[in-house]
Amino acid sequence: MIEELEKEGHLQSHNFSILVEQYVHKHHCSYMDAIISICEEEEIELDSMRGVVDTNIKEKIMYEDKELRMMKDNDLPEPLF
């Protein structure tokens, strides 16, 4: 999967973003889960992808994180005092 997207031995940020978007839509998962799954399937160190994830995907991950935090805050019980 990754091999087809590599150009001159390096994975391009744009190509990786397309792969992540396709994975998210196909598997109905979060962007972070998609990146982790792709790295696991391709046996790629997650740390090595830091420079490949573009701003658009980073923003989507931050948005998902914010939404999850808001949901968790809403699920907390009311304080007793």
PDB file of N, CA and C in Angstrom:
ATOM      1  N   MET A   1       0.835  -1.193   0.000  1.00  0.00           N
ATOM      2  CA  MET A   1       0.000   0.000   0.000  1.00  0.00           C
ATOM      3  C   MET A   1       0.878   1.254   0.000  1.00  0.00           C
ATOM      4  N   ILE A   2       1.794   1.355   0.955  1.00  0.00           N
ATOM      5  CA  ILE A   2       2.652   2.530   1.070  1.00  0.00           C
ATOM      6  C   ILE A   2       3.614   2.613  -0.112  1.00  0.00           C
ATOM      7  N   GLU A   3       4.100   1.461  -0.566  1.00  0.00           N
ATOM      8  CA  GLU A   3       5.092   1.457  -1.637  1.00  0.00           C
ATOM      9  C   GLU A   3       4.598   2.195  -2.877  1.00  0.00           C
ATOM     10  N   GLU A   4       3.313   2.049  -3.195  1.00  0.00           N
ATOM     11  CA  GLU A   4       2.770   2.702  -4.383  1.00  0.00           C
ATOM     12  C   GLU A   4       2.723   4.221  -4.229  1.00  0.00           C
ATOM     13  N   LEU A   5       2.666   4.706  -3.002  1.00  0.00           N
ATOM     14  CA  LEU A   5       2.553   6.138  -2.763  1.00  0.00           C
ATOM     15  C   LEU A   5       3.903   6.828  -2.597  1.00  0.00           C
ATOM     16  N   GLU A   6       4.948   6.041  -2.455  1.00  0.00           N
ATOM     17  CA  GLU A   6       6.267   6.623  -2.276  1.00  0.00           C
ATOM     18  C   GLU A   6       6.783   7.185  -3.590  1.00  0.00           C
ATOM     19  N   LYS A   7       7.483   8.273  -3.481  1.00  0.00           N
ATOM     20  CA  LYS A   7       8.088   8.894  -4.648  1.00  0.00           C
ATOM     21  C   LYS A   7       9.570   9.055  -4.344  1.00  0.00           C
ATOM     22  N   GLU A   8      10.398   8.419  -5.148  1.00  0.00           N
ATOM     23  CA  GLU A   8      11.841   8.456  -4.960  1.00  0.00           C
ATOM     24  C   GLU A   8      12.233   7.995  -3.558  1.00  0.00           C
ATOM     25  N   GLY A   9      11.561   6.962  -3.046  1.00  0.00           N
ATOM     26  CA  GLY A   9      11.921   6.392  -1.757  1.00  0.00           C
ATOM     27  C   GLY A   9      11.380   7.124  -0.553  1.00  0.00           C
ATOM     28  N   HIS A  10      10.665   8.216  -0.754  1.00  0.00           N
ATOM     29  CA  HIS A  10      10.116   8.979   0.366  1.00  0.00           C
ATOM     30  C   HIS A  10       8.612   9.100   0.213  1.00  0.00           C
ATOM     31  N   LEU A  11       7.925   8.900   1.307  1.00  0.00           N
ATOM     32  CA  LEU A  11       6.475   9.046   1.309  1.00  0.00           C
ATOM     33  C   LEU A  11       6.139  10.531   1.340  1.00  0.00           C
ATOM     34  N   GLN A  12       5.378  10.961   0.382  1.00  0.00           N
ATOM     35  CA  GLN A  12       4.988  12.353   0.297  1.00  0.00           C
ATOM     36  C   GLN A  12       3.816  12.626   1.246  1.00  0.00           C
ATOM     37  N   SER A  13       3.834  13.794   1.871  1.00  0.00           N
ATOM     38  CA  SER A  13       2.807  14.179   2.826  1.00  0.00           C
ATOM     39  C   SER A  13       1.413  14.119   2.200  1.00  0.00           C
ATOM     40  N   HIS A  14       1.285  14.634   0.995  1.00  0.00           N
ATOM     41  CA  HIS A  14      -0.009  14.652   0.299  1.00  0.00           C
ATOM     42  C   HIS A  14      -0.512  13.231   0.068  1.00  0.00           C
ATOM     43  N   ASN A  15       0.368  12.351  -0.371  1.00  0.00           N
ATOM     44  CA  ASN A  15      -0.031  10.968  -0.629  1.00  0.00           C
ATOM     45  C   ASN A  15      -0.458  10.261   0.645  1.00  0.00           C
ATOM     46  N   PHE A  16       0.266  10.505   1.736  1.00  0.00           N
ATOM     47  CA  PHE A  16      -0.092   9.879   3.007  1.00  0.00           C
ATOM     48  C   PHE A  16      -1.446  10.393   3.487  1.00  0.00           C
ATOM     49  N   SER A  17      -1.713  11.667   3.287  1.00  0.00           N
ATOM     50  CA  SER A  17      -3.003  12.245   3.684  1.00  0.00           C
ATOM     51  C   SER A  17      -4.152  11.579   2.945  1.00  0.00           C
ATOM     52  N   ILE A  18      -3.958  11.334   1.674  1.00  0.00           N
ATOM     53  CA  ILE A  18      -4.990  10.650   0.880  1.00  0.00           C
ATOM     54  C   ILE A  18      -5.221   9.249   1.437  1.00  0.00           C
ATOM     55  N   LEU A  19      -4.137   8.556   1.750  1.00  0.00           N
ATOM     56  CA  LEU A  19      -4.236   7.212   2.309  1.00  0.00           C
ATOM     57  C   LEU A  19      -4.992   7.232   3.638  1.00  0.00           C
ATOM     58  N   VAL A  20      -4.684   8.192   4.492  1.00  0.00           N
ATOM     59  CA  VAL A  20      -5.354   8.306   5.792  1.00  0.00           C
ATOM     60  C   VAL A  20      -6.843   8.593   5.593  1.00  0.00           C
ATOM     61  N   GLU A  21      -7.165   9.536   4.711  1.00  0.00           N
ATOM     62  CA  GLU A  21      -8.577   9.863   4.442  1.00  0.00           C
ATOM     63  C   GLU A  21      -9.335   8.629   3.951  1.00  0.00           C
ATOM     64  N   GLN A  22      -8.742   7.883   3.042  1.00  0.00           N
ATOM     65  CA  GLN A  22      -9.391   6.679   2.518  1.00  0.00           C
ATOM     66  C   GLN A  22      -9.608   5.654   3.632  1.00  0.00           C
ATOM     67  N   TYR A  23      -8.616   5.507   4.487  1.00  0.00           N
ATOM     68  CA  TYR A  23      -8.717   4.550   5.589  1.00  0.00           C
ATOM     69  C   TYR A  23      -9.832   4.948   6.554  1.00  0.00           C
ATOM     70  N   VAL A  24      -9.900   6.231   6.896  1.00  0.00           N
ATOM     71  CA  VAL A  24     -10.935   6.730   7.810  1.00  0.00           C
ATOM     72  C   VAL A  24     -12.323   6.443   7.254  1.00  0.00           C
ATOM     73  N   HIS A  25     -12.520   6.724   5.984  1.00  0.00           N
ATOM     74  CA  HIS A  25     -13.847   6.529   5.398  1.00  0.00           C
ATOM     75  C   HIS A  25     -14.189   5.047   5.233  1.00  0.00           C
ATOM     76  N   LYS A  26     -13.203   4.249   4.897  1.00  0.00           N
ATOM     77  CA  LYS A  26     -13.451   2.819   4.701  1.00  0.00           C
ATOM     78  C   LYS A  26     -13.729   2.103   6.023  1.00  0.00           C
ATOM     79  N   HIS A  27     -12.983   2.456   7.071  1.00  0.00           N
ATOM     80  CA  HIS A  27     -13.085   1.749   8.339  1.00  0.00           C
ATOM     81  C   HIS A  27     -13.894   2.496   9.403  1.00  0.00           C
ATOM     82  N   HIS A  28     -14.386   3.680   9.058  1.00  0.00           N
ATOM     83  CA  HIS A  28     -15.185   4.477   9.990  1.00  0.00           C
ATOM     84  C   HIS A  28     -14.485   4.618  11.344  1.00  0.00           C
ATOM     85  N   CYS A  29     -13.265   5.106  11.288  1.00  0.00           N
ATOM     86  CA  CYS A  29     -12.476   5.263  12.504  1.00  0.00           C
ATOM     87  C   CYS A  29     -11.952   6.689  12.598  1.00  0.00           C
ATOM     88  N   SER A  30     -11.300   6.999  13.682  1.00  0.00           N
ATOM     89  CA  SER A  30     -10.723   8.332  13.862  1.00  0.00           C
ATOM     90  C   SER A  30      -9.445   8.459  13.016  1.00  0.00           C
ATOM     91  N   TYR A  31      -9.009   9.681  12.854  1.00  0.00           N
ATOM     92  CA  TYR A  31      -7.792   9.929  12.079  1.00  0.00           C
ATOM     93  C   TYR A  31      -6.566   9.363  12.796  1.00  0.00           C
ATOM     94  N   MET A  32      -6.527   9.500  14.099  1.00  0.00           N
ATOM     95  CA  MET A  32      -5.391   8.965  14.847  1.00  0.00           C
ATOM     96  C   MET A  32      -5.371   7.444  14.753  1.00  0.00           C
ATOM     97  N   ASP A  33      -6.541   6.817  14.881  1.00  0.00           N
ATOM     98  CA  ASP A  33      -6.620   5.355  14.750  1.00  0.00           C
ATOM     99  C   ASP A  33      -6.185   4.909  13.359  1.00  0.00           C
ATOM    100  N   ALA A  34      -6.537   5.680  12.350  1.00  0.00           N
ATOM    101  CA  ALA A  34      -6.147   5.346  10.976  1.00  0.00           C
ATOM    102  C   ALA A  34      -4.632   5.380  10.825  1.00  0.00           C
ATOM    103  N   ILE A  35      -4.003   6.414  11.342  1.00  0.00           N
ATOM    104  CA  ILE A  35      -2.546   6.529  11.239  1.00  0.00           C
ATOM    105  C   ILE A  35      -1.871   5.372  11.973  1.00  0.00           C
ATOM    106  N   ILE A  36      -2.349   5.072  13.166  1.00  0.00           N
ATOM    107  CA  ILE A  36      -1.768   3.967  13.940  1.00  0.00           C
ATOM    108  C   ILE A  36      -1.949   2.647  13.205  1.00  0.00           C
ATOM    109  N   SER A  37      -3.129   2.407  12.683  1.00  0.00           N
ATOM    110  CA  SER A  37      -3.398   1.154  11.971  1.00  0.00           C
ATOM    111  C   SER A  37      -2.548   1.021  10.716  1.00  0.00           C
ATOM    112  N   ILE A  38      -2.435   2.097   9.961  1.00  0.00           N
ATOM    113  CA  ILE A  38      -1.608   2.066   8.748  1.00  0.00           C
ATOM    114  C   ILE A  38      -0.160   1.748   9.112  1.00  0.00           C
ATOM    115  N   CYS A  39       0.342   2.386  10.140  1.00  0.00           N
ATOM    116  CA  CYS A  39       1.728   2.137  10.564  1.00  0.00           C
ATOM    117  C   CYS A  39       1.908   0.691  11.021  1.00  0.00           C
ATOM    118  N   GLU A  40       0.947   0.166  11.750  1.00  0.00           N
ATOM    119  CA  GLU A  40       1.039  -1.223  12.202  1.00  0.00           C
ATOM    120  C   GLU A  40       0.999  -2.183  11.014  1.00  0.00           C
ATOM    121  N   GLU A  41       0.082  -1.956  10.090  1.00  0.00           N
ATOM    122  CA  GLU A  41      -0.057  -2.837   8.929  1.00  0.00           C
ATOM    123  C   GLU A  41       1.191  -2.804   8.045  1.00  0.00           C
ATOM    124  N   GLU A  42       1.793  -1.645   7.931  1.00  0.00           N
ATOM    125  CA  GLU A  42       2.970  -1.482   7.064  1.00  0.00           C
ATOM    126  C   GLU A  42       4.288  -1.651   7.821  1.00  0.00           C
ATOM    127  N   GLU A  43       4.189  -1.950   9.130  1.00  0.00           N
ATOM    128  CA  GLU A  43       5.366  -2.126   9.988  1.00  0.00           C
ATOM    129  C   GLU A  43       6.284  -0.903   9.929  1.00  0.00           C
ATOM    130  N   ILE A  44       5.674   0.259  10.134  1.00  0.00           N
ATOM    131  CA  ILE A  44       6.385   1.536  10.133  1.00  0.00           C
ATOM    132  C   ILE A  44       6.337   2.086  11.554  1.00  0.00           C
ATOM    133  N   GLU A  45       7.467   2.597  12.016  1.00  0.00           N
ATOM    134  CA  GLU A  45       7.507   3.229  13.330  1.00  0.00           C
ATOM    135  C   GLU A  45       6.639   4.488  13.308  1.00  0.00           C
ATOM    136  N   LEU A  46       5.769   4.601  14.270  1.00  0.00           N
ATOM    137  CA  LEU A  46       4.859   5.744  14.350  1.00  0.00           C
ATOM    138  C   LEU A  46       5.634   7.061  14.416  1.00  0.00           C
ATOM    139  N   ASP A  47       6.746   7.076  15.158  1.00  0.00           N
ATOM    140  CA  ASP A  47       7.554   8.298  15.280  1.00  0.00           C
ATOM    141  C   ASP A  47       8.093   8.779  13.938  1.00  0.00           C
ATOM    142  N   SER A  48       8.315   7.870  13.018  1.00  0.00           N
ATOM    143  CA  SER A  48       8.878   8.256  11.723  1.00  0.00           C
ATOM    144  C   SER A  48       7.858   8.979  10.839  1.00  0.00           C
ATOM    145  N   MET A  49       6.592   8.953  11.226  1.00  0.00           N
ATOM    146  CA  MET A  49       5.537   9.579  10.422  1.00  0.00           C
ATOM    147  C   MET A  49       5.299  11.032  10.807  1.00  0.00           C
ATOM    148  N   ARG A  50       5.988  11.486  11.830  1.00  0.00           N
ATOM    149  CA  ARG A  50       5.779  12.837  12.344  1.00  0.00           C
ATOM    150  C   ARG A  50       5.876  13.900  11.242  1.00  0.00           C
ATOM    151  N   GLY A  51       6.851  13.797  10.381  1.00  0.00           N
ATOM    152  CA  GLY A  51       7.032  14.794   9.326  1.00  0.00           C
ATOM    153  C   GLY A  51       6.158  14.579   8.108  1.00  0.00           C
ATOM    154  N   VAL A  52       5.462  13.456   8.059  1.00  0.00           N
ATOM    155  CA  VAL A  52       4.651  13.122   6.892  1.00  0.00           C
ATOM    156  C   VAL A  52       3.196  13.556   7.056  1.00  0.00           C
ATOM    157  N   VAL A  53       2.736  13.651   8.293  1.00  0.00           N
ATOM    158  CA  VAL A  53       1.347  14.036   8.556  1.00  0.00           C
ATOM    159  C   VAL A  53       1.204  15.537   8.293  1.00  0.00           C
ATOM    160  N   ASP A  54       0.334  15.887   7.360  1.00  0.00           N
ATOM    161  CA  ASP A  54       0.202  17.304   6.994  1.00  0.00           C
ATOM    162  C   ASP A  54      -0.717  18.064   7.947  1.00  0.00           C
ATOM    163  N   THR A  55      -0.753  19.365   7.775  1.00  0.00           N
ATOM    164  CA  THR A  55      -1.511  20.256   8.648  1.00  0.00           C
ATOM    165  C   THR A  55      -2.998  19.911   8.665  1.00  0.00           C
ATOM    166  N   ASN A  56      -3.542  19.569   7.532  1.00  0.00           N
ATOM    167  CA  ASN A  56      -4.969  19.248   7.442  1.00  0.00           C
ATOM    168  C   ASN A  56      -5.324  18.058   8.329  1.00  0.00           C
ATOM    169  N   ILE A  57      -4.527  17.013   8.273  1.00  0.00           N
ATOM    170  CA  ILE A  57      -4.785  15.833   9.098  1.00  0.00           C
ATOM    171  C   ILE A  57      -4.558  16.165  10.571  1.00  0.00           C
ATOM    172  N   LYS A  58      -3.518  16.937  10.867  1.00  0.00           N
ATOM    173  CA  LYS A  58      -3.259  17.344  12.258  1.00  0.00           C
ATOM    174  C   LYS A  58      -4.447  18.118  12.823  1.00  0.00           C
ATOM    175  N   GLU A  59      -5.025  19.006  12.023  1.00  0.00           N
ATOM    176  CA  GLU A  59      -6.186  19.774  12.479  1.00  0.00           C
ATOM    177  C   GLU A  59      -7.381  18.873  12.744  1.00  0.00           C
ATOM    178  N   LYS A  60      -7.567  17.860  11.897  1.00  0.00           N
ATOM    179  CA  LYS A  60      -8.673  16.926  12.096  1.00  0.00           C
ATOM    180  C   LYS A  60      -8.470  16.104  13.364  1.00  0.00           C
ATOM    181  N   ILE A  61      -7.227  15.735  13.648  1.00  0.00           N
ATOM    182  CA  ILE A  61      -6.929  14.995  14.879  1.00  0.00           C
ATOM    183  C   ILE A  61      -7.212  15.877  16.090  1.00  0.00           C
ATOM    184  N   MET A  62      -6.802  17.133  16.032  1.00  0.00           N
ATOM    185  CA  MET A  62      -7.056  18.051  17.147  1.00  0.00           C
ATOM    186  C   MET A  62      -8.552  18.269  17.339  1.00  0.00           C
ATOM    187  N   TYR A  63      -9.310  18.376  16.246  1.00  0.00           N
ATOM    188  CA  TYR A  63     -10.764  18.539  16.339  1.00  0.00           C
ATOM    189  C   TYR A  63     -11.392  17.311  16.993  1.00  0.00           C
ATOM    190  N   GLU A  64     -10.982  16.115  16.558  1.00  0.00           N
ATOM    191  CA  GLU A  64     -11.519  14.891  17.163  1.00  0.00           C
ATOM    192  C   GLU A  64     -11.190  14.831  18.652  1.00  0.00           C
ATOM    193  N   ASP A  65      -9.980  15.211  19.000  1.00  0.00           N
ATOM    194  CA  ASP A  65      -9.568  15.213  20.402  1.00  0.00           C
ATOM    195  C   ASP A  65     -10.442  16.169  21.211  1.00  0.00           C
ATOM    196  N   LYS A  66     -10.670  17.347  20.663  1.00  0.00           N
ATOM    197  CA  LYS A  66     -11.499  18.338  21.349  1.00  0.00           C
ATOM    198  C   LYS A  66     -12.920  17.802  21.537  1.00  0.00           C
ATOM    199  N   GLU A  67     -13.464  17.173  20.512  1.00  0.00           N
ATOM    200  CA  GLU A  67     -14.816  16.611  20.595  1.00  0.00           C
ATOM    201  C   GLU A  67     -14.876  15.511  21.657  1.00  0.00           C
ATOM    202  N   LEU A  68     -13.863  14.660  21.701  1.00  0.00           N
ATOM    203  CA  LEU A  68     -13.847  13.588  22.704  1.00  0.00           C
ATOM    204  C   LEU A  68     -13.766  14.151  24.112  1.00  0.00           C
ATOM    205  N   ARG A  69     -12.957  15.185  24.282  1.00  0.00           N
ATOM    206  CA  ARG A  69     -12.835  15.800  25.609  1.00  0.00           C
ATOM    207  C   ARG A  69     -14.158  16.424  26.041  1.00  0.00           C
ATOM    208  N   MET A  70     -14.861  17.043  25.105  1.00  0.00           N
ATOM    209  CA  MET A  70     -16.149  17.648  25.435  1.00  0.00           C
ATOM    210  C   MET A  70     -17.152  16.567  25.812  1.00  0.00           C
ATOM    211  N   MET A  71     -17.137  15.448  25.101  1.00  0.00           N
ATOM    212  CA  MET A  71     -18.052  14.361  25.423  1.00  0.00           C
ATOM    213  C   MET A  71     -17.743  13.806  26.801  1.00  0.00           C
ATOM    214  N   LYS A  72     -16.468  13.642  27.126  1.00  0.00           N
ATOM    215  CA  LYS A  72     -16.095  13.131  28.439  1.00  0.00           C
ATOM    216  C   LYS A  72     -16.531  14.086  29.536  1.00  0.00           C
ATOM    217  N   ASP A  73     -16.359  15.384  29.316  1.00  0.00           N
ATOM    218  CA  ASP A  73     -16.772  16.372  30.313  1.00  0.00           C
ATOM    219  C   ASP A  73     -18.281  16.317  30.538  1.00  0.00           C
ATOM    220  N   ASN A  74     -19.047  16.098  29.477  1.00  0.00           N
ATOM    221  CA  ASN A  74     -20.499  16.032  29.599  1.00  0.00           C
ATOM    222  C   ASN A  74     -20.954  14.752  30.294  1.00  0.00           C
ATOM    223  N   ASP A  75     -20.135  13.723  30.268  1.00  0.00           N
ATOM    224  CA  ASP A  75     -20.492  12.444  30.886  1.00  0.00           C
ATOM    225  C   ASP A  75     -20.180  12.410  32.377  1.00  0.00           C
ATOM    226  N   LEU A  76     -19.489  13.414  32.876  1.00  0.00           N
ATOM    227  CA  LEU A  76     -19.133  13.436  34.291  1.00  0.00           C
ATOM    228  C   LEU A  76     -20.381  13.689  35.131  1.00  0.00           C
ATOM    229  N   PRO A  77     -20.471  13.041  36.273  1.00  0.00           N
ATOM    230  CA  PRO A  77     -21.627  13.277  37.141  1.00  0.00           C
ATOM    231  C   PRO A  77     -21.549  14.672  37.750  1.00  0.00           C
ATOM    232  N   GLU A  78     -22.670  15.171  38.157  1.00  0.00           N
ATOM    233  CA  GLU A  78     -22.725  16.468  38.814  1.00  0.00           C
ATOM    234  C   GLU A  78     -21.993  16.383  40.142  1.00  0.00           C
ATOM    235  N   PRO A  79     -21.298  17.441  40.518  1.00  0.00           N
ATOM    236  CA  PRO A  79     -20.612  17.424  41.822  1.00  0.00           C
ATOM    237  C   PRO A  79     -21.628  17.266  42.953  1.00  0.00           C
ATOM    238  N   LEU A  80     -21.239  16.566  43.988  1.00  0.00           N
ATOM    239  CA  LEU A  80     -22.128  16.350  45.128  1.00  0.00           C
ATOM    240  C   LEU A  80     -22.209  17.572  46.021  1.00  0.00           C
ATOM    241  N   PHE A  81     -21.165  18.414  46.014  1.00  0.00           N
ATOM    242  CA  PHE A  81     -21.140  19.595  46.885  1.00  0.00           C
ATOM    243  C   PHE A  81     -21.005  20.852  46.076  1.00  0.00           C
TER     244      PHE A  81
END
